[in-house]
Amino acid sequence: MTKPIMQVAGADGQVELLPDRIVIHRKGIFTMLKYGMNASREIPLTSITSVNFRNANFFRTGEVDFDYAGRNQGDNKQNVVKFTYKQQDDFIKLKEKIFDMMNKVKH
């Protein structure tokens, strides 16, 4: 198994950054009801076209959303991980690391 470069936990899921892909994990009974039995999603870094990031504040959660080539519009919620204001710094570091790795892959 490949060793993770970075792992961050959000309000409704965990994001694991591996050298070649991003894995979104969702654990628990409530996430199973919301996201279904297949609560894990793997997205190759080479397929990612954009990372949409919304900052969290006191009144709302933040979100990180991964767009990729060939994405089906029906799976919008499965590629989004929400996070709280306290978790935001970890998600900013994750976003910057993903952009850095995507830039290295392109060159």
Protein backbone atom coordinates (compact mmCIF):
# COMPACT_ATOMS: atom_id res chain seq x y z
CA MET A 1 0.00 0.00 0.00
CA THR A 2 1.19 3.48 -0.84
CA LYS A 3 2.18 5.70 2.06
CA PRO A 4 0.01 8.84 2.43
CA ILE A 5 1.68 12.21 1.96
CA MET A 6 -0.97 14.04 3.94
CA GLN A 7 -4.26 13.31 5.71
CA VAL A 8 -6.86 15.82 6.88
CA ALA A 9 -10.17 15.26 8.63
CA GLY A 10 -13.19 17.40 7.87
CA ALA A 11 -16.70 17.66 9.23
CA ASP A 12 -18.14 15.00 6.91
CA GLY A 13 -15.14 13.13 5.57
CA GLN A 14 -11.40 12.61 5.49
CA VAL A 15 -9.10 13.40 2.58
CA GLU A 16 -5.96 11.37 2.07
CA LEU A 17 -3.33 12.61 -0.38
CA LEU A 18 -1.26 9.86 -1.97
CA PRO A 19 1.54 10.35 -4.52
CA ASP A 20 -0.77 9.55 -7.43
CA ARG A 21 -4.33 10.18 -6.19
CA ILE A 22 -6.70 11.69 -3.66
CA VAL A 23 -8.87 9.38 -1.57
CA ILE A 24 -12.00 10.70 0.15
CA HIS A 25 -13.12 8.48 3.04
CA ARG A 26 -16.44 8.74 4.81
CA LYS A 27 -17.05 6.69 7.93
CA GLY A 28 -20.09 6.19 10.10
CA ILE A 29 -23.74 5.29 9.80
CA PHE A 30 -24.94 8.80 8.95
CA THR A 31 -22.51 9.16 6.06
CA MET A 32 -23.59 5.75 4.80
CA LEU A 33 -27.18 7.00 4.71
CA LYS A 34 -26.21 10.26 3.00
CA TYR A 35 -23.55 9.01 0.55
CA GLY A 36 -24.50 5.34 0.15
CA MET A 37 -22.56 2.16 0.68
CA ASN A 38 -19.65 3.25 -1.51
CA ALA A 39 -18.52 6.01 0.80
CA SER A 40 -14.96 6.10 -0.50
CA ARG A 41 -13.84 7.93 -3.64
CA GLU A 42 -10.45 7.80 -5.39
CA ILE A 43 -9.50 10.52 -7.85
CA PRO A 44 -6.23 10.32 -9.82
CA LEU A 45 -4.16 13.52 -9.63
CA THR A 46 -3.72 13.49 -13.39
CA SER A 47 -7.51 13.67 -13.84
CA ILE A 48 -8.13 16.66 -11.57
CA THR A 49 -9.06 19.74 -13.58
CA SER A 50 -9.76 22.12 -10.68
CA VAL A 51 -10.00 22.35 -6.92
CA ASN A 52 -12.88 24.53 -5.74
CA PHE A 53 -12.31 25.94 -2.27
CA ARG A 54 -14.73 27.89 -0.09
CA ASN A 55 -13.43 29.32 3.18
CA ALA A 56 -15.20 28.53 6.42
CA ASN A 57 -16.28 31.17 8.89
CA PHE A 58 -18.17 31.30 12.16
CA PHE A 59 -21.54 30.91 10.45
CA ARG A 60 -20.89 28.30 7.73
CA THR A 61 -18.65 25.37 6.95
CA GLY A 62 -16.02 25.53 4.25
CA GLU A 63 -15.81 23.15 1.32
CA VAL A 64 -13.20 21.62 -0.91
CA ASP A 65 -14.53 20.14 -4.15
CA PHE A 66 -12.47 18.21 -6.69
CA ASP A 67 -13.45 18.49 -10.38
CA TYR A 68 -12.01 15.94 -12.75
CA ALA A 69 -12.25 14.90 -16.37
CA GLY A 70 -15.24 12.71 -17.11
CA ARG A 71 -17.06 13.66 -13.92
CA ASN A 72 -20.74 12.81 -13.83
CA GLN A 73 -23.00 15.64 -12.63
CA GLY A 74 -24.92 13.11 -10.52
CA ASP A 75 -22.00 12.61 -8.15
CA ASN A 76 -21.56 16.25 -7.10
CA LYS A 77 -21.83 15.66 -3.36
CA GLN A 78 -19.40 12.72 -3.32
CA ASN A 79 -16.42 14.89 -4.31
CA VAL A 80 -17.06 17.59 -1.70
CA VAL A 81 -15.67 17.52 1.82
CA LYS A 82 -16.91 20.08 4.34
CA PHE A 83 -14.75 21.46 7.13
CA THR A 84 -15.09 23.81 10.09
CA TYR A 85 -13.26 27.05 10.74
CA LYS A 86 -10.90 25.22 13.14
CA GLN A 87 -10.01 22.70 10.41
CA GLN A 88 -9.50 25.31 7.69
CA ASP A 89 -5.71 25.68 8.05
CA ASP A 90 -5.24 21.95 7.43
CA PHE A 91 -7.40 22.12 4.30
CA ILE A 92 -5.53 25.17 2.99
CA LYS A 93 -2.26 23.23 3.37
CA LEU A 94 -3.84 20.28 1.57
CA LYS A 95 -5.04 22.49 -1.30
CA GLU A 96 -1.60 24.06 -1.72
CA LYS A 97 0.11 20.66 -1.66
CA ILE A 98 -2.29 19.34 -4.31
CA PHE A 99 -1.61 22.35 -6.55
CA ASP A 100 2.14 21.86 -6.07
CA MET A 101 1.91 18.18 -7.02
CA MET A 102 -0.33 18.91 -10.02
CA ASN A 103 2.17 21.51 -11.22
CA LYS A 104 5.04 19.00 -10.95
CA VAL A 105 3.07 16.40 -12.91
CA LYS A 106 2.45 18.88 -15.75
CA HIS A 107 6.15 19.68 -16.08
